[in-house]
Protein backbone atom coordinates (compact mmCIF):
# COMPACT_ATOMS: atom_id res chain seq x y z
CA MET A 1 -9.74 4.10 12.65
CA ASN A 2 -7.61 1.19 11.52
CA PHE A 3 -7.82 -1.97 9.45
CA SER A 4 -4.46 -3.53 10.20
CA ASN A 5 -3.96 -7.29 10.39
CA ALA A 6 -3.07 -7.18 14.04
CA GLY A 7 -4.87 -5.50 16.84
CA ARG A 8 -6.55 -5.59 20.15
CA ASN A 9 -10.13 -5.41 21.17
CA ALA A 10 -11.45 -2.03 20.06
CA THR A 11 -14.77 -2.18 21.96
CA THR A 12 -13.63 0.23 24.64
CA LEU A 13 -15.32 3.46 25.66
CA VAL A 14 -15.86 5.61 22.57
CA VAL A 15 -15.03 9.31 22.81
CA ARG A 16 -16.11 11.45 19.86
CA ASP A 17 -14.32 14.48 18.41
CA THR A 18 -15.84 17.93 18.43
CA LEU A 19 -17.39 19.07 15.13
CA GLN A 20 -14.45 21.36 14.39
CA ALA A 21 -11.86 18.66 15.14
CA ALA A 22 -13.78 16.11 13.06
CA ILE A 23 -13.92 18.47 10.06
CA ILE A 24 -10.19 19.28 10.29
CA LYS A 25 -9.19 15.62 10.55
CA ASN A 26 -11.38 14.56 7.64
CA VAL A 27 -10.16 17.42 5.45
CA ILE A 28 -6.54 16.50 6.17
CA THR A 29 -7.20 12.82 5.44
CA VAL A 30 -9.11 13.46 2.20
CA VAL A 31 -6.59 16.02 0.91
CA LEU A 32 -3.67 13.66 1.59
CA CYS A 33 -5.55 10.79 -0.05
CA ILE A 34 -6.36 12.77 -3.19
CA SER A 35 -2.83 14.19 -3.43
CA ILE A 36 -1.02 10.88 -2.99
CA ASN A 37 -3.44 8.98 -5.19
CA TYR A 38 -3.01 11.63 -7.90
CA ILE A 39 0.77 11.13 -7.82
CA ASN A 40 0.42 7.35 -7.86
CA GLY A 41 -2.25 7.56 -10.56
CA THR A 42 0.17 9.56 -12.73
CA LEU A 43 2.71 6.77 -12.32
CA VAL A 44 0.14 4.16 -13.35
CA HIS A 45 -0.77 6.27 -16.40
CA THR A 46 2.90 6.50 -17.43
CA PHE A 47 3.30 2.74 -17.01
CA ILE A 48 0.25 1.92 -19.15
CA LYS A 49 1.15 4.44 -21.84
CA HIS A 50 4.68 3.19 -22.62
CA GLN A 51 5.52 -0.31 -23.89
CA VAL A 52 9.00 -0.20 -22.35
CA PHE A 53 7.44 -0.58 -18.90
CA ASN A 54 4.79 -3.13 -19.84
CA MET A 55 7.47 -5.59 -20.94
CA ASN A 56 9.76 -5.14 -17.92
CA PRO A 57 9.11 -7.43 -14.88
CA ARG A 58 10.64 -4.88 -12.50
CA TYR A 59 8.19 -2.15 -13.47
CA ILE A 60 5.26 -4.57 -13.53
CA LEU A 61 5.96 -5.49 -9.91
CA TYR A 62 6.45 -1.85 -9.00
CA ILE A 63 3.15 -0.74 -10.54
CA HIS A 64 1.41 -3.65 -8.80
CA MET A 65 2.61 -2.20 -5.49
CA VAL A 66 1.52 1.32 -6.52
CA ILE A 67 -1.98 0.07 -7.39
CA ASN A 68 -2.13 -1.69 -4.02
CA ASP A 69 -1.18 1.61 -2.37
CA ILE A 70 -3.96 3.42 -4.23
CA ILE A 71 -6.56 0.84 -3.17
CA LEU A 72 -5.30 0.72 0.42
CA LEU A 73 -5.27 4.50 0.81
CA THR A 74 -8.74 4.79 -0.73
CA MET A 75 -10.13 2.17 1.66
CA PHE A 76 -8.50 3.83 4.65
CA THR A 77 -9.93 7.23 3.73
CA LEU A 78 -13.38 5.81 3.01
CA LEU A 79 -13.50 3.99 6.35
CA HIS A 80 -12.17 7.04 8.16
CA VAL A 81 -14.78 9.39 6.69
CA LEU A 82 -17.64 6.91 7.15
CA SER A 83 -16.67 6.42 10.80
CA TYR A 84 -17.42 10.11 11.35
CA ILE A 85 -20.50 10.38 9.14
CA VAL A 86 -22.47 7.24 10.03
CA PHE A 87 -20.21 5.82 12.78
CA THR A 88 -21.42 2.21 12.36
CA LEU A 89 -21.67 0.18 9.16
CA ASN A 90 -23.60 -2.88 8.08
CA VAL A 91 -21.50 -5.96 8.86
CA SER A 92 -21.69 -7.32 5.31
CA PHE A 93 -20.57 -3.99 3.81
CA CYS A 94 -17.84 -3.67 6.43
CA THR A 95 -16.64 -7.19 5.54
CA VAL A 96 -16.15 -6.25 1.88
CA LEU A 97 -14.20 -3.10 2.76
CA LEU A 98 -11.94 -4.86 5.24
CA LEU A 99 -11.31 -7.82 2.94
CA ILE A 100 -10.00 -5.44 0.26
CA SER A 101 -7.96 -3.54 2.85
CA VAL A 102 -6.31 -6.62 4.34
CA TYR A 103 -5.55 -8.06 0.90
CA THR A 104 -3.70 -4.91 -0.17
CA THR A 105 -1.97 -4.56 3.21
CA THR A 106 -0.60 -8.10 2.94
CA ASN A 107 0.29 -7.81 -0.75
CA ASN A 108 2.81 -5.02 -0.25
CA PRO A 109 5.42 -6.86 1.87
CA LEU A 110 5.21 -9.89 -0.43
CA THR A 111 5.66 -7.68 -3.50
CA LEU A 112 8.70 -6.05 -1.88
CA ALA A 113 10.23 -9.50 -1.35
CA VAL A 114 9.68 -10.46 -5.00
CA MET A 115 11.15 -7.14 -6.18
CA ALA A 116 14.25 -7.77 -4.04
CA VAL A 117 14.64 -11.22 -5.61
CA GLU A 118 14.34 -9.69 -9.08
CA CYS A 119 17.13 -7.22 -8.26
CA TYR A 120 19.24 -10.09 -6.92
CA VAL A 121 18.80 -12.12 -10.11
CA ALA A 122 19.54 -9.09 -12.31
CA ILE A 123 22.84 -8.36 -10.53
CA CYS A 124 24.09 -11.80 -9.54
CA PHE A 125 22.82 -13.76 -12.56
CA PRO A 126 22.68 -11.20 -15.39
CA LEU A 127 22.92 -13.79 -18.17
CA GLN A 128 19.98 -15.80 -16.82
CA HIS A 129 17.85 -12.76 -15.87
CA SER A 130 15.91 -12.54 -19.14
CA ARG A 131 15.13 -16.26 -18.95
CA ILE A 132 14.18 -16.34 -15.26
CA CYS A 133 12.32 -13.03 -15.00
CA THR A 134 9.82 -12.98 -17.86
CA VAL A 135 6.60 -11.01 -18.14
CA LYS A 136 4.49 -14.17 -18.05
CA LYS A 137 6.24 -15.44 -14.91
CA THR A 138 5.88 -12.01 -13.29
CA TYR A 139 2.10 -12.02 -13.67
CA ALA A 140 2.05 -15.60 -12.38
CA VAL A 141 4.01 -14.48 -9.30
CA ILE A 142 1.52 -11.64 -8.74
CA GLY A 143 -1.23 -14.26 -8.79
CA VAL A 144 0.68 -16.26 -6.17
CA ILE A 145 1.00 -13.11 -4.03
CA TRP A 146 -2.77 -12.67 -4.02
CA MET A 147 -3.22 -16.37 -3.23
CA LEU A 148 -0.85 -16.13 -0.25
CA SER A 149 -2.70 -13.05 0.98
CA SER A 150 -5.86 -15.15 0.94
CA PHE A 151 -4.36 -17.34 3.67
CA VAL A 152 -4.35 -14.31 5.97
CA ILE A 153 -7.94 -13.16 5.70
CA LEU A 154 -10.13 -15.86 4.11
CA PRO A 155 -9.84 -18.31 7.06
CA ASP A 156 -11.08 -15.49 9.31
CA LEU A 157 -14.06 -15.00 7.02
CA PHE A 158 -14.87 -18.71 6.87
CA ILE A 159 -14.67 -19.07 10.67
CA THR A 160 -16.97 -16.07 11.10
CA LEU A 161 -19.44 -17.45 8.56
CA ALA A 162 -19.47 -20.77 10.42
CA THR A 163 -19.80 -19.37 13.95
CA GLU A 164 -21.95 -16.24 13.60
CA THR A 165 -25.70 -16.12 13.04
CA THR A 166 -27.38 -14.67 9.96
CA GLU A 167 -28.66 -11.76 12.05
CA TYR A 168 -25.07 -10.77 12.80
CA PHE A 169 -24.37 -10.00 9.14
CA HIS A 170 -27.43 -7.73 9.03
CA SER A 171 -26.43 -5.85 12.17
CA ARG A 172 -24.26 -2.74 12.41
CA ILE A 173 -20.82 -2.38 14.01
CA PHE A 174 -17.98 0.09 14.17
CA CYS A 175 -16.00 -1.16 11.15
CA PHE A 176 -12.90 -2.44 12.85
CA LEU A 177 -11.12 -5.71 12.11
CA THR A 178 -11.27 -6.97 15.69
CA ASN A 179 -14.95 -6.00 15.92
CA LEU A 180 -15.78 -7.87 12.72
CA PHE A 181 -13.92 -11.13 13.36
CA ARG A 182 -14.69 -11.85 17.01
CA HIS A 183 -13.79 -15.53 17.40
CA PRO A 184 -10.86 -15.91 19.87
CA TYR A 185 -9.08 -18.39 17.59
CA ILE A 186 -8.84 -15.81 14.79
CA ARG A 187 -6.52 -13.45 16.61
CA GLY A 188 -4.02 -16.19 17.50
CA LYS A 189 -4.06 -17.53 13.94
CA ARG A 190 -3.61 -14.04 12.47
CA ASP A 191 -0.63 -13.28 14.69
CA ILE A 192 1.11 -16.52 13.70
CA VAL A 193 0.50 -15.98 9.97
CA ASN A 194 1.70 -12.36 10.17
CA GLN A 195 4.88 -13.39 11.97
CA VAL A 196 5.62 -16.12 9.43
CA PHE A 197 5.09 -13.71 6.54
CA MET A 198 7.19 -10.94 8.06
CA VAL A 199 10.09 -13.21 9.06
CA SER A 200 10.10 -14.80 5.60
CA VAL A 201 10.17 -11.42 3.85
CA TRP A 202 12.96 -10.12 6.11
CA ILE A 203 15.05 -13.23 5.45
CA ILE A 204 14.64 -12.72 1.71
CA LEU A 205 15.58 -9.03 1.96
CA PHE A 206 18.66 -9.69 4.10
CA TYR A 207 19.85 -12.51 1.87
CA THR A 208 19.41 -10.58 -1.37
CA TYR A 209 20.99 -7.44 0.11
CA PHE A 210 24.17 -9.16 1.29
CA ARG A 211 24.51 -11.10 -1.96
CA ILE A 212 24.14 -7.86 -3.92
CA LEU A 213 26.54 -6.16 -1.48
CA THR A 214 29.17 -8.79 -2.27
CA THR A 215 28.71 -8.18 -5.97
CA ALA A 216 28.78 -4.41 -5.48
CA LYS A 217 32.35 -4.61 -4.17
CA ALA A 218 33.39 -4.96 -7.79
CA ALA A 219 32.40 -1.26 -8.09
CA ALA A 220 29.65 -1.99 -10.60
CA THR A 221 27.26 0.97 -10.76
CA ASP A 222 24.20 -1.21 -11.36
CA ALA A 223 25.06 -3.39 -8.37
CA LYS A 224 25.40 -0.37 -6.09
CA LYS A 225 22.09 1.00 -7.34
CA ALA A 226 20.42 -2.38 -6.75
CA ARG A 227 21.89 -2.48 -3.24
CA ASN A 228 20.42 0.94 -2.47
CA THR A 229 17.08 -0.14 -3.94
CA VAL A 230 16.96 -3.20 -1.67
CA LEU A 231 17.76 -0.91 1.28
CA LEU A 232 14.76 1.22 0.33
CA HIS A 233 12.68 -1.96 0.10
CA GLY A 234 13.78 -2.73 3.65
CA PHE A 235 12.67 0.74 4.75
CA GLN A 236 9.33 0.22 3.00
CA LEU A 237 8.93 -3.13 4.76
CA LEU A 238 9.70 -1.46 8.09
CA LEU A 239 6.88 0.99 7.40
CA CYS A 240 4.59 -1.93 6.50
CA MET A 241 5.43 -3.58 9.81
CA LEU A 242 4.31 -0.46 11.67
CA THR A 243 0.78 -1.60 10.84
CA TYR A 244 1.21 -4.48 13.27
CA VAL A 245 2.22 -2.23 16.16
CA HIS A 246 -0.52 0.30 15.48
CA PHE A 247 -2.50 -0.48 18.62
CA LEU A 248 0.58 -0.86 20.82
CA THR A 249 1.82 2.55 19.69
CA ILE A 250 -1.53 4.19 20.41
CA GLU A 251 -1.82 2.51 23.82
CA GLY A 252 1.74 3.48 24.78
CA LEU A 253 1.38 7.13 23.77
CA THR A 254 -2.11 7.40 25.25
CA SER A 255 -0.84 6.14 28.61
CA LEU A 256 1.75 8.93 28.57
CA PHE A 257 -0.62 11.63 27.30
CA PRO A 258 -4.15 10.52 28.25
CA GLU A 259 -5.75 13.88 27.44
CA ALA A 260 -4.54 13.72 23.83
CA GLY A 261 -5.94 10.27 23.07
CA LEU A 262 -7.98 11.27 20.00
CA ALA A 263 -5.18 13.36 18.52
CA ILE A 264 -2.69 10.53 19.09
CA ARG A 265 -4.97 7.98 17.39
CA PHE A 266 -5.38 10.25 14.36
CA ALA A 267 -1.67 11.16 14.09
CA VAL A 268 -0.52 7.55 14.40
CA SER A 269 -3.05 6.40 11.80
CA ILE A 270 -1.87 9.04 9.32
CA PHE A 271 1.79 8.23 9.94
CA ILE A 272 1.31 4.47 9.59
CA HIS A 273 -1.35 4.17 6.89
CA VAL A 274 -1.12 7.31 4.75
CA LEU A 275 2.41 8.75 4.62
CA PRO A 276 4.14 5.42 3.71
CA ARG A 277 2.15 5.49 0.47
CA LEU A 278 4.50 8.29 -0.64
CA ILE A 279 7.52 5.98 -0.56
CA SER A 280 6.61 4.07 -3.72
CA PRO A 281 6.76 7.15 -6.00
CA VAL A 282 10.17 8.01 -4.54
CA VAL A 283 11.70 4.57 -5.16
CA TYR A 284 11.00 4.46 -8.90
CA GLY A 285 9.10 7.60 -9.88
CA LEU A 286 11.99 9.86 -8.81
CA ARG A 287 15.06 7.61 -8.42
CA ASP A 288 14.71 5.56 -11.58
CA LYS A 289 16.11 7.51 -14.55
CA THR A 290 14.03 5.73 -17.19
CA PHE A 291 10.74 6.16 -15.35
CA ARG A 292 11.61 9.75 -14.45
CA LYS A 293 12.37 10.59 -18.10
CA TYR A 294 9.04 9.25 -19.39
CA LEU A 295 7.16 10.80 -16.47
CA LYS A 296 8.63 14.23 -17.25
CA ASN A 297 7.88 13.82 -20.94
CA ASP A 298 4.26 12.93 -20.20
CA LEU A 299 3.81 15.91 -17.88
CA PHE A 300 5.56 18.41 -20.16
CA CYS A 301 3.95 17.05 -23.33
CA SER A 302 0.56 17.32 -21.70
CA THR A 303 1.28 20.96 -20.83
CA CYS A 304 2.61 21.64 -24.36
CA ALA A 305 -0.43 19.99 -25.92
CA ASP A 306 -2.76 22.20 -23.88
CA THR A 307 -0.77 25.30 -24.92
CA GLN A 308 -0.85 24.34 -28.62
CA LYS A 309 -4.55 23.59 -28.43
CA HIS A 310 -5.12 27.02 -26.89
CA LYS A 311 -3.08 28.65 -29.69
CA ARG A 312 -5.01 26.78 -32.39
CA GLN A 313 -8.26 27.96 -30.87
CA LYS A 314 -7.02 31.52 -31.29
CA ILE A 315 -5.77 30.96 -34.88
CA ASN A 316 -8.67 28.92 -36.24
CA PRO A 317 -11.24 31.78 -36.31
CA LYS A 318 -8.97 33.67 -38.74
CA MET A 319 -8.83 30.66 -41.04
CA THR A 320 -12.57 30.30 -41.44
CA PHE A 321 -14.10 31.26 -44.79
């Protein structure tokens, strides 16, 4: 199960899991999805609750990436579970699910690039930072990110609408990107667009990192922290790029261990699509002191509020007349 932007023809011989293996894999996937989405959902709640984050471009970009992670992980889990329950999906329904998935997959690397630029401006041009990085401009940049992501998937949709018959969109397929968009031109176009996006993002990350590294030699604590943050952005981008070698990884490992093909496909999918969603909470939810402070306060205050409510429930009966 995969909805990456790059892939090979998935219409090979289908081998199904045993009932026990299918149950175990789906339980693992759903539990991981719920757990990670709960953590990310807590971060979103903290962001919405406190004004200090709503007015900071850095946190706005961060929470945009977290929301993308939540959507992407939900889509992955939904497609994974449906592939076991009903196996094939209506083409129109599959199109909607994959459009959302590809949008969020493409958004993340672009958001990482913008976040690296914001760090670069904050460290290298501190006096101009408040003028360059405003809340209004940040939301405008997020709009541009979604527009750029449209260039990845919408041409595929338009080509398919122009070349496929109406009956095709009422048929059922195994919901897989290469099964949905079958025109030979689409794969070549997608590979070129992905390469342009990835190279552009890597250039931005390398440039901002070395500029921040030069500034960090002055032993400024903020500069060193920004440098480490950009390094983590690079690690996140590396994990994002694993999506594009998903099929190559599966094919390589399957050729070495042919009897473990199903287990390899599942393990690689979890490693590439699910576990990287844990990186976002680490970057800001745990490393950032401000976010960590408010997150702890929200969690502890919620616990204290429940305790006080429980105490009041015990006291109130005595106060009745």
